[in-house]
Amino acid sequence: MSTIRPVGTGSGATASPFMRTIASPRSGLVLASTIEQPTDWPRLDIGSPEANLGHALGWTCEIRRTSIVLLNPLGEGVLKASLPELSTAWIENVRHDTSCAVYLIPRDADAGFAELSISTAAAEAPIRAATVRTAMADDDGKVETAGRNEPCPCGSGKKFKRCHG
């Protein structure tokens, strides 16, 4: 019997959001990781991110202030990725639809170019993709302004007032 991991934990992943052009939901999210593909997700055998997707019942994608967490139906944190830059259109679409298309690809694929990486990964082997319920609070995805004496968000290691303040 396996132990249930607490919510918010999970294997490391990288996340890349994009907007799908013709399908609903329009918001899409590529998660690249080395985890074993879940068997209860639909397989995407073609190289198009616009394919109609099935629903992964019970799976949830939580968008938090600093991370994106993919939870399985038992509430286990399966994947956790740093929060990438989210466009206003992407955030509004997720809030409107309360779901997004989630694609799971191998870590070695380039998640920086979402649609291209899906096509490339699907050409090599079937990948898992599904429409997943997405939880997002009103303040999630918004960048907080750094205080004068806090470290600069650019990562320089200097105080904000001495760097970009």
N, C-alpha and C. Protein backbone atom coordinates (compact mmCIF):
# COMPACT_ATOMS: atom_id res chain seq x y z
N MET A 1 0.84 -1.17 0.00
CA MET A 1 0.00 0.00 0.00
C MET A 1 0.89 1.24 0.00
N SER A 2 0.64 2.16 -0.91
CA SER A 2 1.47 3.36 -0.99
C SER A 2 0.93 4.44 -0.06
N THR A 3 1.83 5.27 0.40
CA THR A 3 1.40 6.36 1.26
C THR A 3 0.95 7.53 0.41
N ILE A 4 -0.02 8.27 0.91
CA ILE A 4 -0.53 9.42 0.18
C ILE A 4 0.32 10.63 0.54
N ARG A 5 0.84 11.28 -0.48
CA ARG A 5 1.63 12.47 -0.26
C ARG A 5 0.72 13.64 0.07
N PRO A 6 1.17 14.56 0.90
CA PRO A 6 0.34 15.72 1.19
C PRO A 6 0.18 16.62 -0.03
N VAL A 7 -0.92 17.35 -0.06
CA VAL A 7 -1.18 18.25 -1.17
C VAL A 7 -0.06 19.27 -1.27
N GLY A 8 0.37 19.53 -2.49
CA GLY A 8 1.40 20.53 -2.71
C GLY A 8 2.77 19.93 -2.93
N THR A 9 2.92 18.65 -2.61
CA THR A 9 4.20 18.02 -2.88
C THR A 9 4.11 17.38 -4.25
N GLY A 10 5.21 16.91 -4.74
CA GLY A 10 5.17 16.24 -6.02
C GLY A 10 6.49 16.32 -6.72
N SER A 11 6.61 15.58 -7.80
CA SER A 11 7.83 15.59 -8.59
C SER A 11 7.99 16.95 -9.26
N GLY A 12 9.23 17.33 -9.48
CA GLY A 12 9.51 18.59 -10.13
C GLY A 12 9.13 18.55 -11.60
N ALA A 13 8.68 19.68 -12.10
CA ALA A 13 8.29 19.78 -13.49
C ALA A 13 8.53 21.21 -13.96
N THR A 14 8.47 21.41 -15.26
CA THR A 14 8.47 22.75 -15.80
C THR A 14 7.12 22.96 -16.48
N ALA A 15 6.60 24.18 -16.39
CA ALA A 15 5.28 24.48 -16.94
C ALA A 15 5.39 25.58 -17.97
N SER A 16 4.60 25.45 -19.02
CA SER A 16 4.55 26.46 -20.07
C SER A 16 3.11 26.65 -20.51
N PRO A 17 2.51 27.83 -20.24
CA PRO A 17 1.13 28.07 -20.66
C PRO A 17 1.07 28.57 -22.10
N PHE A 18 -0.03 28.30 -22.78
CA PHE A 18 -0.26 28.83 -24.12
C PHE A 18 -1.76 28.87 -24.38
N MET A 19 -2.16 29.57 -25.42
CA MET A 19 -3.57 29.66 -25.78
C MET A 19 -3.81 28.79 -27.01
N ARG A 20 -4.76 27.89 -26.90
CA ARG A 20 -5.14 27.07 -28.04
C ARG A 20 -6.01 27.92 -28.96
N THR A 21 -5.93 27.69 -30.27
CA THR A 21 -6.60 28.60 -31.21
C THR A 21 -8.06 28.24 -31.49
N ILE A 22 -8.42 26.97 -31.57
CA ILE A 22 -9.78 26.65 -32.02
C ILE A 22 -10.61 25.87 -31.02
N ALA A 23 -9.99 25.22 -30.09
CA ALA A 23 -10.73 24.31 -29.22
C ALA A 23 -11.10 24.97 -27.90
N SER A 24 -12.02 24.34 -27.19
CA SER A 24 -12.39 24.81 -25.85
C SER A 24 -12.05 23.70 -24.87
N PRO A 25 -11.41 23.98 -23.76
CA PRO A 25 -10.98 25.31 -23.31
C PRO A 25 -9.80 25.81 -24.11
N ARG A 26 -9.72 27.13 -24.26
CA ARG A 26 -8.64 27.73 -25.06
C ARG A 26 -7.31 27.69 -24.32
N SER A 27 -7.34 27.79 -23.01
CA SER A 27 -6.08 27.80 -22.26
C SER A 27 -5.47 26.41 -22.24
N GLY A 28 -4.17 26.36 -22.46
CA GLY A 28 -3.44 25.11 -22.45
C GLY A 28 -2.22 25.22 -21.56
N LEU A 29 -1.78 24.10 -21.04
CA LEU A 29 -0.63 24.07 -20.15
C LEU A 29 0.19 22.83 -20.45
N VAL A 30 1.47 23.02 -20.71
CA VAL A 30 2.38 21.89 -20.95
C VAL A 30 3.20 21.69 -19.68
N LEU A 31 3.18 20.47 -19.16
CA LEU A 31 3.99 20.12 -18.00
C LEU A 31 5.01 19.07 -18.44
N ALA A 32 6.28 19.41 -18.32
CA ALA A 32 7.36 18.49 -18.70
C ALA A 32 7.98 17.91 -17.44
N SER A 33 8.02 16.57 -17.36
CA SER A 33 8.55 15.91 -16.18
C SER A 33 9.00 14.51 -16.54
N THR A 34 9.67 13.87 -15.59
CA THR A 34 10.13 12.50 -15.81
C THR A 34 9.19 11.47 -15.18
N ILE A 35 8.02 11.91 -14.68
CA ILE A 35 7.11 10.96 -14.03
C ILE A 35 6.52 9.99 -15.06
N GLU A 36 6.07 8.87 -14.56
CA GLU A 36 5.39 7.90 -15.41
C GLU A 36 4.03 8.46 -15.79
N GLN A 37 3.66 8.32 -17.05
CA GLN A 37 2.41 8.88 -17.53
C GLN A 37 1.21 8.22 -16.85
N PRO A 38 0.22 8.99 -16.40
CA PRO A 38 -0.96 8.38 -15.76
C PRO A 38 -1.76 7.56 -16.77
N THR A 39 -2.28 6.45 -16.33
CA THR A 39 -3.01 5.57 -17.24
C THR A 39 -4.47 5.96 -17.42
N ASP A 40 -4.98 6.83 -16.53
CA ASP A 40 -6.39 7.21 -16.64
C ASP A 40 -6.61 8.49 -17.43
N TRP A 41 -5.58 8.94 -18.14
CA TRP A 41 -5.71 10.10 -19.03
C TRP A 41 -5.82 9.62 -20.46
N PRO A 42 -6.54 10.37 -21.32
CA PRO A 42 -6.59 10.00 -22.74
C PRO A 42 -5.22 10.12 -23.39
N ARG A 43 -4.97 9.25 -24.36
CA ARG A 43 -3.70 9.30 -25.10
C ARG A 43 -3.88 10.21 -26.30
N LEU A 44 -2.87 11.02 -26.56
CA LEU A 44 -2.88 11.90 -27.72
C LEU A 44 -1.85 11.36 -28.70
N ASP A 45 -2.33 10.69 -29.74
CA ASP A 45 -1.43 10.03 -30.69
C ASP A 45 -1.05 10.91 -31.87
N ILE A 46 -1.74 12.02 -32.04
CA ILE A 46 -1.44 12.87 -33.19
C ILE A 46 -0.62 14.06 -32.74
N GLY A 47 0.04 14.72 -33.67
CA GLY A 47 0.93 15.81 -33.34
C GLY A 47 0.27 17.17 -33.29
N SER A 48 -0.99 17.26 -32.94
CA SER A 48 -1.66 18.56 -32.91
C SER A 48 -2.20 18.86 -31.53
N PRO A 49 -1.82 20.01 -30.95
CA PRO A 49 -2.35 20.38 -29.65
C PRO A 49 -3.82 20.81 -29.72
N GLU A 50 -4.37 20.94 -30.94
CA GLU A 50 -5.76 21.35 -31.09
C GLU A 50 -6.73 20.17 -31.09
N ALA A 51 -6.21 18.98 -30.91
CA ALA A 51 -7.08 17.80 -30.92
C ALA A 51 -8.11 17.88 -29.81
N ASN A 52 -9.26 17.28 -30.06
CA ASN A 52 -10.27 17.22 -29.01
C ASN A 52 -9.76 16.32 -27.90
N LEU A 53 -9.92 16.76 -26.68
CA LEU A 53 -9.39 16.03 -25.54
C LEU A 53 -10.52 15.43 -24.73
N GLY A 54 -10.23 14.31 -24.10
CA GLY A 54 -11.18 13.75 -23.15
C GLY A 54 -10.99 14.42 -21.80
N HIS A 55 -11.86 14.10 -20.88
CA HIS A 55 -11.77 14.67 -19.54
C HIS A 55 -11.05 13.70 -18.62
N ALA A 56 -10.12 14.23 -17.83
CA ALA A 56 -9.46 13.43 -16.81
C ALA A 56 -10.23 13.66 -15.51
N LEU A 57 -11.19 12.80 -15.26
CA LEU A 57 -12.09 13.00 -14.14
C LEU A 57 -11.37 12.96 -12.81
N GLY A 58 -11.62 13.97 -12.00
CA GLY A 58 -11.06 14.02 -10.66
C GLY A 58 -9.71 14.69 -10.56
N TRP A 59 -9.02 14.90 -11.70
CA TRP A 59 -7.72 15.56 -11.67
C TRP A 59 -7.93 17.06 -11.56
N THR A 60 -7.05 17.73 -10.82
CA THR A 60 -7.14 19.17 -10.62
C THR A 60 -5.78 19.81 -10.83
N CYS A 61 -5.78 20.95 -11.46
CA CYS A 61 -4.57 21.74 -11.63
C CYS A 61 -4.76 22.99 -10.78
N GLU A 62 -4.02 23.10 -9.70
CA GLU A 62 -4.13 24.27 -8.83
C GLU A 62 -3.06 25.28 -9.20
N ILE A 63 -3.49 26.48 -9.47
CA ILE A 63 -2.55 27.56 -9.76
C ILE A 63 -2.45 28.39 -8.50
N ARG A 64 -1.27 28.40 -7.92
CA ARG A 64 -1.04 29.09 -6.65
C ARG A 64 -0.19 30.32 -6.89
N ARG A 65 0.11 31.03 -5.84
CA ARG A 65 0.86 32.28 -5.96
C ARG A 65 2.25 32.07 -6.56
N THR A 66 2.92 30.98 -6.22
CA THR A 66 4.28 30.77 -6.72
C THR A 66 4.47 29.47 -7.51
N SER A 67 3.42 28.65 -7.61
CA SER A 67 3.59 27.37 -8.28
C SER A 67 2.30 26.86 -8.91
N ILE A 68 2.47 25.85 -9.75
CA ILE A 68 1.34 25.12 -10.34
C ILE A 68 1.47 23.69 -9.84
N VAL A 69 0.39 23.15 -9.28
CA VAL A 69 0.41 21.79 -8.73
C VAL A 69 -0.65 20.96 -9.44
N LEU A 70 -0.28 19.79 -9.93
CA LEU A 70 -1.21 18.86 -10.54
C LEU A 70 -1.55 17.79 -9.52
N LEU A 71 -2.85 17.69 -9.18
CA LEU A 71 -3.31 16.75 -8.16
C LEU A 71 -4.10 15.63 -8.80
N ASN A 72 -3.87 14.40 -8.33
CA ASN A 72 -4.65 13.27 -8.83
C ASN A 72 -5.97 13.19 -8.07
N PRO A 73 -6.88 12.26 -8.43
CA PRO A 73 -8.18 12.18 -7.76
C PRO A 73 -8.12 11.92 -6.26
N LEU A 74 -7.01 11.40 -5.74
CA LEU A 74 -6.87 11.17 -4.30
C LEU A 74 -6.38 12.40 -3.57
N GLY A 75 -6.11 13.49 -4.31
CA GLY A 75 -5.61 14.71 -3.69
C GLY A 75 -4.11 14.71 -3.50
N GLU A 76 -3.42 13.75 -4.11
CA GLU A 76 -1.96 13.70 -4.01
C GLU A 76 -1.36 14.71 -4.97
N GLY A 77 -0.34 15.43 -4.53
CA GLY A 77 0.38 16.32 -5.41
C GLY A 77 1.30 15.50 -6.30
N VAL A 78 0.97 15.37 -7.58
CA VAL A 78 1.75 14.54 -8.48
C VAL A 78 2.89 15.33 -9.11
N LEU A 79 2.60 16.54 -9.56
CA LEU A 79 3.61 17.40 -10.18
C LEU A 79 3.54 18.78 -9.57
N LYS A 80 4.71 19.41 -9.42
CA LYS A 80 4.76 20.79 -8.94
C LYS A 80 5.78 21.54 -9.78
N ALA A 81 5.34 22.65 -10.36
CA ALA A 81 6.21 23.47 -11.21
C ALA A 81 6.19 24.91 -10.74
N SER A 82 7.28 25.60 -10.95
CA SER A 82 7.31 27.03 -10.66
C SER A 82 6.31 27.73 -11.55
N LEU A 83 5.70 28.77 -11.03
CA LEU A 83 4.69 29.50 -11.78
C LEU A 83 5.36 30.28 -12.90
N PRO A 84 5.04 29.96 -14.17
CA PRO A 84 5.60 30.74 -15.28
C PRO A 84 4.84 32.05 -15.42
N GLU A 85 5.29 32.90 -16.31
CA GLU A 85 4.57 34.15 -16.57
C GLU A 85 3.25 33.82 -17.26
N LEU A 86 2.16 34.30 -16.70
CA LEU A 86 0.83 34.03 -17.23
C LEU A 86 0.26 35.31 -17.83
N SER A 87 -0.22 35.21 -19.07
CA SER A 87 -0.81 36.38 -19.70
C SER A 87 -2.19 36.64 -19.11
N THR A 88 -2.64 37.87 -19.23
CA THR A 88 -3.97 38.23 -18.72
C THR A 88 -5.05 37.42 -19.43
N ALA A 89 -4.90 37.22 -20.75
CA ALA A 89 -5.89 36.44 -21.51
C ALA A 89 -5.95 35.00 -21.01
N TRP A 90 -4.79 34.41 -20.69
CA TRP A 90 -4.76 33.03 -20.20
C TRP A 90 -5.46 32.94 -18.85
N ILE A 91 -5.16 33.87 -17.95
CA ILE A 91 -5.77 33.86 -16.62
C ILE A 91 -7.28 34.04 -16.72
N GLU A 92 -7.73 34.98 -17.54
CA GLU A 92 -9.17 35.22 -17.69
C GLU A 92 -9.88 34.00 -18.28
N ASN A 93 -9.23 33.33 -19.24
CA ASN A 93 -9.84 32.15 -19.84
C ASN A 93 -9.96 31.01 -18.84
N VAL A 94 -8.94 30.81 -18.01
CA VAL A 94 -9.00 29.76 -16.99
C VAL A 94 -10.12 30.07 -15.99
N ARG A 95 -10.23 31.31 -15.59
CA ARG A 95 -11.29 31.68 -14.64
C ARG A 95 -12.68 31.51 -15.25
N HIS A 96 -12.80 31.80 -16.55
CA HIS A 96 -14.09 31.68 -17.21
C HIS A 96 -14.50 30.22 -17.39
N ASP A 97 -13.57 29.39 -17.87
CA ASP A 97 -13.88 27.98 -18.17
C ASP A 97 -13.73 27.06 -16.96
N THR A 98 -13.01 27.50 -15.94
CA THR A 98 -12.63 26.69 -14.77
C THR A 98 -11.95 25.38 -15.16
N SER A 99 -11.33 25.38 -16.33
CA SER A 99 -10.55 24.21 -16.76
C SER A 99 -9.53 24.64 -17.80
N CYS A 100 -8.56 23.78 -18.03
CA CYS A 100 -7.61 24.03 -19.11
C CYS A 100 -7.14 22.68 -19.65
N ALA A 101 -6.57 22.73 -20.85
CA ALA A 101 -6.03 21.52 -21.47
C ALA A 101 -4.62 21.32 -20.92
N VAL A 102 -4.37 20.18 -20.32
CA VAL A 102 -3.07 19.89 -19.73
C VAL A 102 -2.40 18.77 -20.52
N TYR A 103 -1.17 19.02 -20.95
CA TYR A 103 -0.39 18.06 -21.72
C TYR A 103 0.81 17.65 -20.87
N LEU A 104 1.04 16.35 -20.74
CA LEU A 104 2.20 15.84 -20.00
C LEU A 104 3.20 15.30 -21.00
N ILE A 105 4.39 15.90 -21.02
CA ILE A 105 5.42 15.47 -21.96
C ILE A 105 6.68 15.09 -21.20
N PRO A 106 7.56 14.29 -21.82
CA PRO A 106 8.81 13.93 -21.15
C PRO A 106 9.68 15.15 -20.89
N ARG A 107 10.50 15.09 -19.87
CA ARG A 107 11.35 16.22 -19.45
C ARG A 107 12.30 16.66 -20.56
N ASP A 108 12.77 15.72 -21.40
CA ASP A 108 13.76 16.09 -22.40
C ASP A 108 13.17 16.90 -23.56
N ALA A 109 11.85 16.96 -23.67
CA ALA A 109 11.24 17.80 -24.70
C ALA A 109 11.36 19.26 -24.26
N ASP A 110 11.32 20.16 -25.21
CA ASP A 110 11.48 21.58 -24.91
C ASP A 110 10.14 22.18 -24.53
N ALA A 111 9.90 22.40 -23.25
CA ALA A 111 8.63 22.96 -22.79
C ALA A 111 8.55 24.46 -23.00
N GLY A 112 9.63 25.09 -23.44
CA GLY A 112 9.62 26.52 -23.66
C GLY A 112 8.75 26.94 -24.84
N PHE A 113 8.62 26.06 -25.82
CA PHE A 113 7.78 26.32 -26.97
C PHE A 113 6.65 25.30 -26.93
N ALA A 114 5.59 25.68 -26.24
CA ALA A 114 4.54 24.74 -25.85
C ALA A 114 3.96 23.94 -27.01
N GLU A 115 3.42 24.62 -28.02
CA GLU A 115 2.75 23.90 -29.09
C GLU A 115 3.73 23.04 -29.89
N LEU A 116 4.92 23.55 -30.12
CA LEU A 116 5.93 22.79 -30.85
C LEU A 116 6.37 21.57 -30.06
N SER A 117 6.54 21.72 -28.73
CA SER A 117 6.98 20.59 -27.92
C SER A 117 5.92 19.49 -27.87
N ILE A 118 4.65 19.87 -27.90
CA ILE A 118 3.58 18.87 -27.90
C ILE A 118 3.64 18.09 -29.22
N SER A 119 3.75 18.81 -30.32
CA SER A 119 3.80 18.15 -31.63
C SER A 119 5.00 17.22 -31.73
N THR A 120 6.16 17.69 -31.26
CA THR A 120 7.37 16.88 -31.31
C THR A 120 7.24 15.64 -30.43
N ALA A 121 6.75 15.82 -29.20
CA ALA A 121 6.60 14.69 -28.29
C ALA A 121 5.58 13.69 -28.81
N ALA A 122 4.46 14.17 -29.37
CA ALA A 122 3.43 13.27 -29.88
C ALA A 122 3.90 12.51 -31.12
N ALA A 123 4.83 13.09 -31.89
CA ALA A 123 5.36 12.40 -33.06
C ALA A 123 6.25 11.24 -32.65
N GLU A 124 6.93 11.37 -31.51
CA GLU A 124 7.84 10.32 -31.06
C GLU A 124 7.11 9.19 -30.35
N ALA A 125 6.13 9.51 -29.54
CA ALA A 125 5.37 8.51 -28.79
C ALA A 125 4.08 9.14 -28.31
N PRO A 126 3.05 8.33 -28.08
CA PRO A 126 1.80 8.90 -27.57
C PRO A 126 2.02 9.60 -26.23
N ILE A 127 1.42 10.77 -26.07
CA ILE A 127 1.50 11.49 -24.81
C ILE A 127 0.12 11.55 -24.17
N ARG A 128 0.07 11.90 -22.92
CA ARG A 128 -1.20 12.02 -22.21
C ARG A 128 -1.63 13.48 -22.20
N ALA A 129 -2.89 13.72 -22.52
CA ALA A 129 -3.43 15.06 -22.53
C ALA A 129 -4.91 14.99 -22.20
N ALA A 130 -5.38 15.94 -21.42
CA ALA A 130 -6.78 15.92 -21.03
C ALA A 130 -7.23 17.31 -20.60
N THR A 131 -8.52 17.49 -20.57
CA THR A 131 -9.10 18.70 -20.00
C THR A 131 -9.20 18.47 -18.50
N VAL A 132 -8.61 19.37 -17.74
CA VAL A 132 -8.50 19.20 -16.30
C VAL A 132 -9.14 20.40 -15.61
N ARG A 133 -9.89 20.15 -14.55
CA ARG A 133 -10.47 21.24 -13.76
C ARG A 133 -9.34 22.05 -13.15
N THR A 134 -9.46 23.38 -13.23
CA THR A 134 -8.39 24.24 -12.74
C THR A 134 -8.91 25.15 -11.63
N ALA A 135 -8.21 25.13 -10.52
CA ALA A 135 -8.54 25.99 -9.39
C ALA A 135 -7.59 27.17 -9.38
N MET A 136 -8.16 28.38 -9.28
CA MET A 136 -7.33 29.58 -9.30
C MET A 136 -8.02 30.66 -8.49
N ALA A 137 -7.35 31.15 -7.47
CA ALA A 137 -7.91 32.23 -6.65
C ALA A 137 -7.73 33.57 -7.36
N ASP A 138 -8.42 34.58 -6.88
CA ASP A 138 -8.36 35.90 -7.52
C ASP A 138 -6.97 36.51 -7.51
N ASP A 139 -6.18 36.23 -6.48
CA ASP A 139 -4.85 36.84 -6.41
C ASP A 139 -3.75 35.94 -6.96
N ASP A 140 -4.08 34.73 -7.41
CA ASP A 140 -3.07 33.84 -7.98
C ASP A 140 -2.65 34.35 -9.36
N GLY A 141 -1.38 34.20 -9.65
CA GLY A 141 -0.85 34.61 -10.94
C GLY A 141 -0.49 36.08 -11.00
N LYS A 142 -0.75 36.83 -9.95
CA LYS A 142 -0.40 38.24 -9.92
C LYS A 142 0.96 38.41 -9.26
N VAL A 143 1.76 39.28 -9.82
CA VAL A 143 3.09 39.51 -9.30
C VAL A 143 3.02 40.52 -8.16
N GLU A 144 3.65 40.19 -7.06
CA GLU A 144 3.69 41.11 -5.93
C GLU A 144 4.85 42.07 -6.12
N THR A 145 4.66 43.32 -5.71
CA THR A 145 5.72 44.30 -5.76
C THR A 145 6.65 44.07 -4.58
N ALA A 146 7.93 44.07 -4.85
CA ALA A 146 8.92 43.85 -3.79
C ALA A 146 9.04 45.11 -2.94
N GLY A 147 9.24 44.92 -1.64
CA GLY A 147 9.49 46.05 -0.75
C GLY A 147 10.89 46.60 -0.98
N ARG A 148 11.13 47.82 -0.51
CA ARG A 148 12.42 48.47 -0.74
C ARG A 148 13.60 47.65 -0.24
N ASN A 149 13.46 47.02 0.91
CA ASN A 149 14.58 46.30 1.52
C ASN A 149 14.55 44.80 1.27
N GLU A 150 13.63 44.33 0.43
CA GLU A 150 13.55 42.91 0.08
C GLU A 150 14.46 42.64 -1.11
N PRO A 151 14.84 41.37 -1.31
CA PRO A 151 15.67 41.04 -2.48
C PRO A 151 14.93 41.38 -3.77
N CYS A 152 15.67 41.84 -4.75
CA CYS A 152 15.08 42.21 -6.04
C CYS A 152 14.56 40.95 -6.75
N PRO A 153 13.34 41.00 -7.32
CA PRO A 153 12.80 39.81 -8.00
C PRO A 153 13.56 39.41 -9.26
N CYS A 154 14.48 40.27 -9.73
CA CYS A 154 15.24 39.92 -10.95
C CYS A 154 16.28 38.84 -10.67
N GLY A 155 16.57 38.59 -9.36
CA GLY A 155 17.51 37.53 -9.01
C GLY A 155 18.95 38.00 -8.88
N SER A 156 19.18 39.30 -8.86
CA SER A 156 20.55 39.82 -8.77
C SER A 156 21.18 39.61 -7.40
N GLY A 157 20.34 39.44 -6.36
CA GLY A 157 20.85 39.29 -5.01
C GLY A 157 20.94 40.62 -4.27
N LYS A 158 20.72 41.71 -4.96
CA LYS A 158 20.75 43.02 -4.33
C LYS A 158 19.38 43.35 -3.77
N LYS A 159 19.34 44.34 -2.88
CA LYS A 159 18.05 44.84 -2.40
C LYS A 159 17.36 45.55 -3.56
N PHE A 160 16.01 45.53 -3.50
CA PHE A 160 15.22 46.13 -4.57
C PHE A 160 15.56 47.61 -4.76
N LYS A 161 15.77 48.34 -3.66
CA LYS A 161 16.04 49.77 -3.75
C LYS A 161 17.37 50.07 -4.45
N ARG A 162 18.32 49.14 -4.40
CA ARG A 162 19.62 49.34 -5.03
C ARG A 162 19.70 48.77 -6.45
N CYS A 163 18.67 48.03 -6.84
CA CYS A 163 18.69 47.38 -8.16
C CYS A 163 17.66 48.02 -9.10
N HIS A 164 16.41 47.63 -8.97
CA HIS A 164 15.36 48.13 -9.86
C HIS A 164 14.43 49.13 -9.18
N GLY A 165 14.70 49.50 -7.91
CA GLY A 165 13.82 50.40 -7.16
C GLY A 165 14.14 51.83 -7.47
